[in-house]
All heavy atoms as atom14 arrays in JSON, in Angstrom:
{
  "sequence": "DLMLPGLDGLSLIDELRQRRIKVPVIILSARRSVDERVAGLQA",
  "atom14_mask": [
    [1, 1, 1, 1, 1, 1, 1, 1, 0, 0, 0, 0, 0, 0],
    [1, 1, 1, 1, 1, 1, 1, 1, 0, 0, 0, 0, 0, 0],
    [1, 1, 1, 1, 1, 1, 1, 1, 0, 0, 0, 0, 0, 0],
    [1, 1, 1, 1, 1, 1, 1, 1, 0, 0, 0, 0, 0, 0],
    [1, 1, 1, 1, 1, 1, 1, 0, 0, 0, 0, 0, 0, 0],
    [1, 1, 1, 1, 0, 0, 0, 0, 0, 0, 0, 0, 0, 0],
    [1, 1, 1, 1, 1, 1, 1, 1, 0, 0, 0, 0, 0, 0],
    [1, 1, 1, 1, 1, 1, 1, 1, 0, 0, 0, 0, 0, 0],
    [1, 1, 1, 1, 0, 0, 0, 0, 0, 0, 0, 0, 0, 0],
    [1, 1, 1, 1, 1, 1, 1, 1, 0, 0, 0, 0, 0, 0],
    [1, 1, 1, 1, 1, 1, 0, 0, 0, 0, 0, 0, 0, 0],
    [1, 1, 1, 1, 1, 1, 1, 1, 0, 0, 0, 0, 0, 0],
    [1, 1, 1, 1, 1, 1, 1, 1, 0, 0, 0, 0, 0, 0],
    [1, 1, 1, 1, 1, 1, 1, 1, 0, 0, 0, 0, 0, 0],
    [1, 1, 1, 1, 1, 1, 1, 1, 1, 0, 0, 0, 0, 0],
    [1, 1, 1, 1, 1, 1, 1, 1, 0, 0, 0, 0, 0, 0],
    [1, 1, 1, 1, 1, 1, 1, 1, 1, 1, 1, 0, 0, 0],
    [1, 1, 1, 1, 1, 1, 1, 1, 1, 0, 0, 0, 0, 0],
    [1, 1, 1, 1, 1, 1, 1, 1, 1, 1, 1, 0, 0, 0],
    [1, 1, 1, 1, 1, 1, 1, 1, 1, 1, 1, 0, 0, 0],
    [1, 1, 1, 1, 1, 1, 1, 1, 0, 0, 0, 0, 0, 0],
    [1, 1, 1, 1, 1, 1, 1, 1, 1, 0, 0, 0, 0, 0],
    [1, 1, 1, 1, 1, 1, 1, 0, 0, 0, 0, 0, 0, 0],
    [1, 1, 1, 1, 1, 1, 1, 0, 0, 0, 0, 0, 0, 0],
    [1, 1, 1, 1, 1, 1, 1, 0, 0, 0, 0, 0, 0, 0],
    [1, 1, 1, 1, 1, 1, 1, 1, 0, 0, 0, 0, 0, 0],
    [1, 1, 1, 1, 1, 1, 1, 1, 0, 0, 0, 0, 0, 0],
    [1, 1, 1, 1, 1, 1, 1, 1, 0, 0, 0, 0, 0, 0],
    [1, 1, 1, 1, 1, 1, 0, 0, 0, 0, 0, 0, 0, 0],
    [1, 1, 1, 1, 1, 0, 0, 0, 0, 0, 0, 0, 0, 0],
    [1, 1, 1, 1, 1, 1, 1, 1, 1, 1, 1, 0, 0, 0],
    [1, 1, 1, 1, 1, 1, 1, 1, 1, 1, 1, 0, 0, 0],
    [1, 1, 1, 1, 1, 1, 0, 0, 0, 0, 0, 0, 0, 0],
    [1, 1, 1, 1, 1, 1, 1, 0, 0, 0, 0, 0, 0, 0],
    [1, 1, 1, 1, 1, 1, 1, 1, 0, 0, 0, 0, 0, 0],
    [1, 1, 1, 1, 1, 1, 1, 1, 1, 0, 0, 0, 0, 0],
    [1, 1, 1, 1, 1, 1, 1, 1, 1, 1, 1, 0, 0, 0],
    [1, 1, 1, 1, 1, 1, 1, 0, 0, 0, 0, 0, 0, 0],
    [1, 1, 1, 1, 1, 0, 0, 0, 0, 0, 0, 0, 0, 0],
    [1, 1, 1, 1, 0, 0, 0, 0, 0, 0, 0, 0, 0, 0],
    [1, 1, 1, 1, 1, 1, 1, 1, 0, 0, 0, 0, 0, 0],
    [1, 1, 1, 1, 1, 1, 1, 1, 1, 0, 0, 0, 0, 0],
    [1, 1, 1, 1, 1, 0, 0, 0, 0, 0, 0, 0, 0, 0]
  ],
  "atom14_positions": [
    [[4.72, 1.86, 5.18], [3.92, 1.14, 6.17], [2.45, 1.3, 5.81], [2.05, 2.26, 5.15], [4.21, 1.74, 7.56], [3.5, 0.98, 8.67], [3.28, -0.24, 8.5], [3.17, 1.6, 9.69], [0.0, 0.0, 0.0], [0.0, 0.0, 0.0], [0.0, 0.0, 0.0], [0.0, 0.0, 0.0], [0.0, 0.0, 0.0], [0.0, 0.0, 0.0]],
    [[1.61, 0.34, 6.25], [0.19, 0.42, 5.94], [-0.57, 1.3, 6.92], [-1.42, 2.1, 6.54], [-0.43, -0.98, 5.92], [-0.07, -1.87, 4.73], [-0.87, -3.16, 4.78], [-0.31, -1.16, 3.41], [0.0, 0.0, 0.0], [0.0, 0.0, 0.0], [0.0, 0.0, 0.0], [0.0, 0.0, 0.0], [0.0, 0.0, 0.0], [0.0, 0.0, 0.0]],
    [[-0.28, 1.15, 8.19], [-1.01, 1.9, 9.23], [-0.34, 3.25, 9.46], [0.61, 3.37, 10.23], [-1.06, 1.09, 10.52], [-1.73, -0.25, 10.38], [-3.49, -0.1, 9.94], [-4.15, 0.59, 11.45], [0.0, 0.0, 0.0], [0.0, 0.0, 0.0], [0.0, 0.0, 0.0], [0.0, 0.0, 0.0], [0.0, 0.0, 0.0], [0.0, 0.0, 0.0]],
    [[-0.83, 4.26, 8.76], [-0.22, 5.59, 8.82], [-1.26, 6.64, 9.17], [-2.42, 6.54, 8.74], [0.4, 5.96, 7.46], [1.58, 5.14, 6.96], [1.85, 5.46, 5.5], [2.82, 5.41, 7.81], [0.0, 0.0, 0.0], [0.0, 0.0, 0.0], [0.0, 0.0, 0.0], [0.0, 0.0, 0.0], [0.0, 0.0, 0.0], [0.0, 0.0, 0.0]],
    [[-0.87, 7.66, 9.91], [-1.78, 8.79, 10.13], [-1.86, 9.66, 8.89], [-0.98, 9.62, 8.03], [-1.1, 9.55, 11.28], [0.35, 9.22, 11.15], [0.41, 7.81, 10.64], [0.0, 0.0, 0.0], [0.0, 0.0, 0.0], [0.0, 0.0, 0.0], [0.0, 0.0, 0.0], [0.0, 0.0, 0.0], [0.0, 0.0, 0.0], [0.0, 0.0, 0.0]],
    [[-2.93, 10.42, 8.77], [-3.07, 11.34, 7.65], [-3.61, 10.66, 6.41], [-4.67, 11.01, 5.9], [0.0, 0.0, 0.0], [0.0, 0.0, 0.0], [0.0, 0.0, 0.0], [0.0, 0.0, 0.0], [0.0, 0.0, 0.0], [0.0, 0.0, 0.0], [0.0, 0.0, 0.0], [0.0, 0.0, 0.0], [0.0, 0.0, 0.0], [0.0, 0.0, 0.0]],
    [[-2.88, 9.69, 5.92], [-3.27, 8.92, 4.73], [-2.7, 7.53, 4.89], [-1.49, 7.38, 5.03], [-2.72, 9.6, 3.47], [-3.11, 9.01, 2.11], [-4.6, 9.22, 1.85], [-2.29, 9.63, 0.99], [0.0, 0.0, 0.0], [0.0, 0.0, 0.0], [0.0, 0.0, 0.0], [0.0, 0.0, 0.0], [0.0, 0.0, 0.0], [0.0, 0.0, 0.0]],
    [[-3.56, 6.52, 4.9], [-3.05, 5.16, 5.13], [-2.21, 4.68, 3.95], [-2.28, 5.24, 2.84], [-4.2, 4.19, 5.39], [-5.07, 3.98, 4.17], [-4.75, 3.12, 3.33], [-6.08, 4.7, 4.04], [0.0, 0.0, 0.0], [0.0, 0.0, 0.0], [0.0, 0.0, 0.0], [0.0, 0.0, 0.0], [0.0, 0.0, 0.0], [0.0, 0.0, 0.0]],
    [[-1.42, 3.64, 4.19], [-0.47, 3.17, 3.19], [-1.1, 2.73, 1.89], [-0.59, 3.05, 0.8], [0.0, 0.0, 0.0], [0.0, 0.0, 0.0], [0.0, 0.0, 0.0], [0.0, 0.0, 0.0], [0.0, 0.0, 0.0], [0.0, 0.0, 0.0], [0.0, 0.0, 0.0], [0.0, 0.0, 0.0], [0.0, 0.0, 0.0], [0.0, 0.0, 0.0]],
    [[-2.22, 1.99, 1.95], [-2.87, 1.53, 0.72], [-3.36, 2.71, -0.1], [-3.21, 2.73, -1.33], [-4.04, 0.6, 1.05], [-3.68, -0.8, 1.56], [-4.94, -1.62, 1.77], [-2.73, -1.52, 0.62], [0.0, 0.0, 0.0], [0.0, 0.0, 0.0], [0.0, 0.0, 0.0], [0.0, 0.0, 0.0], [0.0, 0.0, 0.0], [0.0, 0.0, 0.0]],
    [[-3.95, 3.71, 0.57], [-4.44, 4.9, -0.15], [-3.27, 5.68, -0.75], [-3.37, 6.22, -1.85], [-5.24, 5.79, 0.79], [-6.38, 5.11, 1.27], [0.0, 0.0, 0.0], [0.0, 0.0, 0.0], [0.0, 0.0, 0.0], [0.0, 0.0, 0.0], [0.0, 0.0, 0.0], [0.0, 0.0, 0.0], [0.0, 0.0, 0.0], [0.0, 0.0, 0.0]],
    [[-2.16, 5.72, -0.02], [-0.97, 6.42, -0.52], [-0.45, 5.74, -1.78], [-0.18, 6.4, -2.79], [0.12, 6.43, 0.56], [1.53, 6.87, 0.13], [1.5, 8.25, -0.51], [2.47, 6.84, 1.32], [0.0, 0.0, 0.0], [0.0, 0.0, 0.0], [0.0, 0.0, 0.0], [0.0, 0.0, 0.0], [0.0, 0.0, 0.0], [0.0, 0.0, 0.0]],
    [[-0.33, 4.42, -1.74], [0.17, 3.69, -2.9], [-0.78, 3.84, -4.08], [-0.36, 4.07, -5.23], [0.36, 2.2, -2.55], [1.45, 2.05, -1.49], [0.73, 1.39, -3.79], [1.52, 0.67, -0.88], [0.0, 0.0, 0.0], [0.0, 0.0, 0.0], [0.0, 0.0, 0.0], [0.0, 0.0, 0.0], [0.0, 0.0, 0.0], [0.0, 0.0, 0.0]],
    [[-2.09, 3.72, -3.8], [-3.08, 3.88, -4.86], [-2.99, 5.27, -5.5], [-3.08, 5.41, -6.72], [-4.48, 3.65, -4.3], [-5.55, 3.72, -5.38], [-5.54, 2.89, -6.3], [-6.39, 4.64, -5.3], [0.0, 0.0, 0.0], [0.0, 0.0, 0.0], [0.0, 0.0, 0.0], [0.0, 0.0, 0.0], [0.0, 0.0, 0.0], [0.0, 0.0, 0.0]],
    [[-2.78, 6.29, -4.68], [-2.67, 7.65, -5.19], [-1.43, 7.8, -6.08], [-1.47, 8.46, -7.13], [-2.61, 8.64, -4.03], [-2.59, 10.1, -4.45], [-3.88, 10.58, -5.06], [-4.93, 9.93, -4.82], [-3.86, 11.6, -5.78], [0.0, 0.0, 0.0], [0.0, 0.0, 0.0], [0.0, 0.0, 0.0], [0.0, 0.0, 0.0], [0.0, 0.0, 0.0]],
    [[-0.33, 7.18, -5.67], [0.89, 7.23, -6.48], [0.66, 6.59, -7.83], [1.08, 7.12, -8.87], [2.03, 6.52, -5.75], [2.54, 7.16, -4.46], [3.63, 6.31, -3.84], [3.07, 8.57, -4.72], [0.0, 0.0, 0.0], [0.0, 0.0, 0.0], [0.0, 0.0, 0.0], [0.0, 0.0, 0.0], [0.0, 0.0, 0.0], [0.0, 0.0, 0.0]],
    [[-0.01, 5.44, -7.84], [-0.25, 4.75, -9.11], [-1.24, 5.52, -9.98], [-1.09, 5.56, -11.21], [-0.77, 3.33, -8.84], [0.2, 2.42, -8.07], [1.62, 2.54, -8.56], [2.52, 1.58, -7.91], [3.77, 1.8, -7.64], [4.32, 2.97, -7.97], [4.52, 0.88, -7.08], [0.0, 0.0, 0.0], [0.0, 0.0, 0.0], [0.0, 0.0, 0.0]],
    [[-2.25, 6.15, -9.34], [-3.2, 6.95, -10.1], [-2.5, 8.1, -10.81], [-2.89, 8.51, -11.91], [-4.29, 7.49, -9.17], [-5.25, 6.46, -8.64], [-6.2, 5.93, -9.69], [-6.48, 6.61, -10.68], [-6.68, 4.71, -9.51], [0.0, 0.0, 0.0], [0.0, 0.0, 0.0], [0.0, 0.0, 0.0], [0.0, 0.0, 0.0], [0.0, 0.0, 0.0]],
    [[-1.44, 8.6, -10.16], [-0.69, 9.72, -10.75], [0.47, 9.23, -11.6], [1.34, 10.0, -11.99], [-0.18, 10.64, -9.63], [-1.31, 11.28, -8.82], [-0.77, 12.28, -7.86], [-1.81, 12.86, -7.01], [-1.9, 14.13, -6.69], [-1.01, 14.98, -7.16], [-2.84, 14.56, -5.89], [0.0, 0.0, 0.0], [0.0, 0.0, 0.0], [0.0, 0.0, 0.0]],
    [[0.49, 7.94, -11.86], [1.48, 7.3, -12.74], [2.91, 7.45, -12.24], [3.85, 7.59, -13.02], [1.35, 7.84, -14.17], [-0.01, 7.55, -14.79], [-0.07, 7.95, -16.25], [-1.38, 7.63, -16.81], [-1.72, 7.83, -18.08], [-0.83, 8.39, -18.92], [-2.91, 7.51, -18.51], [0.0, 0.0, 0.0], [0.0, 0.0, 0.0], [0.0, 0.0, 0.0]],
    [[3.05, 7.44, -10.94], [4.38, 7.41, -10.32], [4.75, 5.95, -10.13], [4.11, 5.23, -9.36], [4.39, 8.17, -8.98], [4.1, 9.65, -9.25], [5.74, 8.0, -8.28], [3.99, 10.49, -8.0], [0.0, 0.0, 0.0], [0.0, 0.0, 0.0], [0.0, 0.0, 0.0], [0.0, 0.0, 0.0], [0.0, 0.0, 0.0], [0.0, 0.0, 0.0]],
    [[5.75, 5.49, -10.84], [6.05, 4.07, -10.92], [7.15, 3.6, -9.97], [7.73, 2.54, -10.16], [6.43, 3.72, -12.37], [5.32, 3.98, -13.37], [5.74, 3.62, -14.78], [4.62, 3.89, -15.77], [5.03, 3.53, -17.17], [0.0, 0.0, 0.0], [0.0, 0.0, 0.0], [0.0, 0.0, 0.0], [0.0, 0.0, 0.0], [0.0, 0.0, 0.0]],
    [[7.44, 4.39, -8.95], [8.49, 4.0, -8.0], [8.17, 2.63, -7.41], [7.04, 2.37, -7.0], [8.62, 5.06, -6.88], [7.3, 5.26, -6.14], [9.72, 4.68, -5.92], [0.0, 0.0, 0.0], [0.0, 0.0, 0.0], [0.0, 0.0, 0.0], [0.0, 0.0, 0.0], [0.0, 0.0, 0.0], [0.0, 0.0, 0.0], [0.0, 0.0, 0.0]],
    [[9.15, 1.71, -7.38], [8.91, 0.4, -6.76], [8.62, 0.55, -5.27], [9.3, 1.32, -4.59], [10.24, -0.34, -6.99], [10.89, 0.37, -8.13], [10.48, 1.81, -7.99], [0.0, 0.0, 0.0], [0.0, 0.0, 0.0], [0.0, 0.0, 0.0], [0.0, 0.0, 0.0], [0.0, 0.0, 0.0], [0.0, 0.0, 0.0], [0.0, 0.0, 0.0]],
    [[7.62, -0.18, -4.78], [7.18, -0.03, -3.39], [7.24, -1.35, -2.65], [6.71, -2.36, -3.12], [5.74, 0.52, -3.33], [5.23, 0.5, -1.88], [5.67, 1.93, -3.9], [0.0, 0.0, 0.0], [0.0, 0.0, 0.0], [0.0, 0.0, 0.0], [0.0, 0.0, 0.0], [0.0, 0.0, 0.0], [0.0, 0.0, 0.0], [0.0, 0.0, 0.0]],
    [[7.88, -1.32, -1.48], [7.82, -2.44, -0.54], [6.89, -2.03, 0.6], [7.07, -0.98, 1.21], [9.21, -2.78, 0.02], [10.12, -3.32, -1.09], [9.09, -3.83, 1.15], [11.51, -3.68, -0.61], [0.0, 0.0, 0.0], [0.0, 0.0, 0.0], [0.0, 0.0, 0.0], [0.0, 0.0, 0.0], [0.0, 0.0, 0.0], [0.0, 0.0, 0.0]],
    [[5.88, -2.85, 0.85], [4.93, -2.58, 1.92], [5.43, -3.21, 3.21], [5.84, -4.37, 3.23], [3.55, -3.16, 1.56], [2.97, -2.44, 0.35], [2.59, -3.06, 2.75], [1.71, -3.08, -0.2], [0.0, 0.0, 0.0], [0.0, 0.0, 0.0], [0.0, 0.0, 0.0], [0.0, 0.0, 0.0], [0.0, 0.0, 0.0], [0.0, 0.0, 0.0]],
    [[5.41, -2.43, 4.29], [5.69, -2.95, 5.62], [4.37, -3.04, 6.38], [3.59, -2.09, 6.36], [6.64, -2.03, 6.39], [8.08, -1.89, 5.88], [8.86, -0.98, 6.82], [8.75, -3.25, 5.79], [0.0, 0.0, 0.0], [0.0, 0.0, 0.0], [0.0, 0.0, 0.0], [0.0, 0.0, 0.0], [0.0, 0.0, 0.0], [0.0, 0.0, 0.0]],
    [[4.14, -4.16, 7.05], [2.9, -4.28, 7.8], [2.98, -5.4, 8.82], [3.69, -6.4, 8.62], [1.72, -4.55, 6.86], [0.52, -4.73, 7.58], [0.0, 0.0, 0.0], [0.0, 0.0, 0.0], [0.0, 0.0, 0.0], [0.0, 0.0, 0.0], [0.0, 0.0, 0.0], [0.0, 0.0, 0.0], [0.0, 0.0, 0.0], [0.0, 0.0, 0.0]],
    [[2.24, -5.22, 9.93], [2.1, -6.29, 10.92], [1.01, -7.26, 10.5], [0.85, -8.32, 11.11], [1.78, -5.69, 12.28], [0.0, 0.0, 0.0], [0.0, 0.0, 0.0], [0.0, 0.0, 0.0], [0.0, 0.0, 0.0], [0.0, 0.0, 0.0], [0.0, 0.0, 0.0], [0.0, 0.0, 0.0], [0.0, 0.0, 0.0], [0.0, 0.0, 0.0]],
    [[0.27, -6.92, 9.47], [-0.81, -7.78, 8.98], [-0.21, -8.96, 8.21], [0.55, -8.75, 7.27], [-1.75, -6.99, 8.09], [-2.4, -5.8, 8.78], [-3.18, -4.97, 7.8], [-3.81, -3.82, 8.42], [-4.47, -2.89, 7.74], [-4.58, -2.96, 6.42], [-5.02, -1.86, 8.38], [0.0, 0.0, 0.0], [0.0, 0.0, 0.0], [0.0, 0.0, 0.0]],
    [[-0.6, -10.17, 8.56], [0.04, -11.35, 8.0], [-0.88, -12.2, 7.11], [-0.41, -13.13, 6.47], [0.58, -12.23, 9.12], [1.68, -11.58, 9.94], [2.08, -12.41, 11.13], [3.23, -11.83, 11.82], [4.51, -12.12, 11.53], [4.77, -12.98, 10.57], [5.49, -11.53, 12.19], [0.0, 0.0, 0.0], [0.0, 0.0, 0.0], [0.0, 0.0, 0.0]],
    [[-2.17, -11.9, 7.07], [-3.08, -12.77, 6.33], [-2.84, -12.66, 4.82], [-2.37, -11.64, 4.32], [-4.54, -12.42, 6.64], [-4.91, -11.22, 6.01], [0.0, 0.0, 0.0], [0.0, 0.0, 0.0], [0.0, 0.0, 0.0], [0.0, 0.0, 0.0], [0.0, 0.0, 0.0], [0.0, 0.0, 0.0], [0.0, 0.0, 0.0], [0.0, 0.0, 0.0]],
    [[-3.2, -13.72, 4.11], [-3.04, -13.74, 2.66], [-3.87, -12.64, 2.02], [-3.41, -11.94, 1.1], [-3.44, -15.12, 2.1], [-3.45, -15.09, 0.57], [-2.49, -16.2, 2.59], [0.0, 0.0, 0.0], [0.0, 0.0, 0.0], [0.0, 0.0, 0.0], [0.0, 0.0, 0.0], [0.0, 0.0, 0.0], [0.0, 0.0, 0.0], [0.0, 0.0, 0.0]],
    [[-5.1, -12.47, 2.5], [-5.98, -11.45, 1.91], [-5.39, -10.06, 2.03], [-5.5, -9.23, 1.12], [-7.35, -11.5, 2.59], [-8.16, -12.73, 2.19], [-7.79, -13.37, 1.19], [-9.13, -13.04, 2.9], [0.0, 0.0, 0.0], [0.0, 0.0, 0.0], [0.0, 0.0, 0.0], [0.0, 0.0, 0.0], [0.0, 0.0, 0.0], [0.0, 0.0, 0.0]],
    [[-4.76, -9.8, 3.17], [-4.17, -8.47, 3.38], [-2.95, -8.27, 2.5], [-2.72, -7.18, 1.97], [-3.82, -8.31, 4.85], [-5.06, -8.1, 5.73], [-4.79, -8.33, 7.2], [-3.82, -9.03, 7.54], [-5.54, -7.77, 8.02], [0.0, 0.0, 0.0], [0.0, 0.0, 0.0], [0.0, 0.0, 0.0], [0.0, 0.0, 0.0], [0.0, 0.0, 0.0]],
    [[-2.17, -9.31, 2.32], [-1.02, -9.2, 1.42], [-1.48, -9.0, -0.03], [-0.91, -8.19, -0.76], [-0.14, -10.44, 1.53], [0.57, -10.57, 2.86], [1.76, -11.51, 2.78], [1.38, -12.87, 2.41], [1.02, -13.81, 3.28], [0.99, -13.52, 4.58], [0.72, -15.02, 2.88], [0.0, 0.0, 0.0], [0.0, 0.0, 0.0], [0.0, 0.0, 0.0]],
    [[-2.52, -9.72, -0.41], [-3.06, -9.57, -1.76], [-3.59, -8.16, -1.98], [-3.36, -7.54, -3.02], [-4.18, -10.61, -2.02], [-4.92, -10.29, -3.33], [-3.59, -12.01, -2.1], [0.0, 0.0, 0.0], [0.0, 0.0, 0.0], [0.0, 0.0, 0.0], [0.0, 0.0, 0.0], [0.0, 0.0, 0.0], [0.0, 0.0, 0.0], [0.0, 0.0, 0.0]],
    [[-4.28, -7.62, -0.97], [-4.82, -6.25, -1.08], [-3.7, -5.25, -1.28], [-3.81, -4.31, -2.07], [-5.63, -5.91, 0.17], [0.0, 0.0, 0.0], [0.0, 0.0, 0.0], [0.0, 0.0, 0.0], [0.0, 0.0, 0.0], [0.0, 0.0, 0.0], [0.0, 0.0, 0.0], [0.0, 0.0, 0.0], [0.0, 0.0, 0.0], [0.0, 0.0, 0.0]],
    [[-2.6, -5.44, -0.55], [-1.47, -4.54, -0.69], [-0.85, -4.59, -2.08], [-0.53, -3.56, -2.67], [0.0, 0.0, 0.0], [0.0, 0.0, 0.0], [0.0, 0.0, 0.0], [0.0, 0.0, 0.0], [0.0, 0.0, 0.0], [0.0, 0.0, 0.0], [0.0, 0.0, 0.0], [0.0, 0.0, 0.0], [0.0, 0.0, 0.0], [0.0, 0.0, 0.0]],
    [[-0.72, -5.77, -2.61], [-0.13, -5.92, -3.95], [-1.09, -5.41, -5.02], [-0.66, -4.8, -6.01], [0.23, -7.39, -4.2], [1.31, -7.96, -3.26], [1.48, -9.45, -3.5], [2.63, -7.24, -3.45], [0.0, 0.0, 0.0], [0.0, 0.0, 0.0], [0.0, 0.0, 0.0], [0.0, 0.0, 0.0], [0.0, 0.0, 0.0], [0.0, 0.0, 0.0]],
    [[-2.38, -5.64, -4.83], [-3.36, -5.16, -5.8], [-3.46, -3.64, -5.81], [-3.8, -3.04, -6.82], [-4.73, -5.78, -5.52], [-4.81, -7.26, -5.87], [-6.17, -7.86, -5.59], [-6.92, -7.36, -4.75], [-6.49, -8.94, -6.29], [0.0, 0.0, 0.0], [0.0, 0.0, 0.0], [0.0, 0.0, 0.0], [0.0, 0.0, 0.0], [0.0, 0.0, 0.0]],
    [[-3.15, -3.02, -4.67], [-3.18, -1.55, -4.6], [-2.03, -0.92, -5.37], [-2.04, 0.28, -5.63], [-3.15, -1.1, -3.15], [0.0, 0.0, 0.0], [0.0, 0.0, 0.0], [0.0, 0.0, 0.0], [0.0, 0.0, 0.0], [0.0, 0.0, 0.0], [0.0, 0.0, 0.0], [0.0, 0.0, 0.0], [0.0, 0.0, 0.0], [0.0, 0.0, 0.0]]
  ]
}
């Protein structure tokens, strides 16, 4: 999910990629805009 306590979803995914953890990720979010979806995929 994107809206998380402690560490938000985008930061979590970015941290995983920075550490070269390649687990496939599906993002869950109530955010529907194209820009928000693009941000999630770019992260």
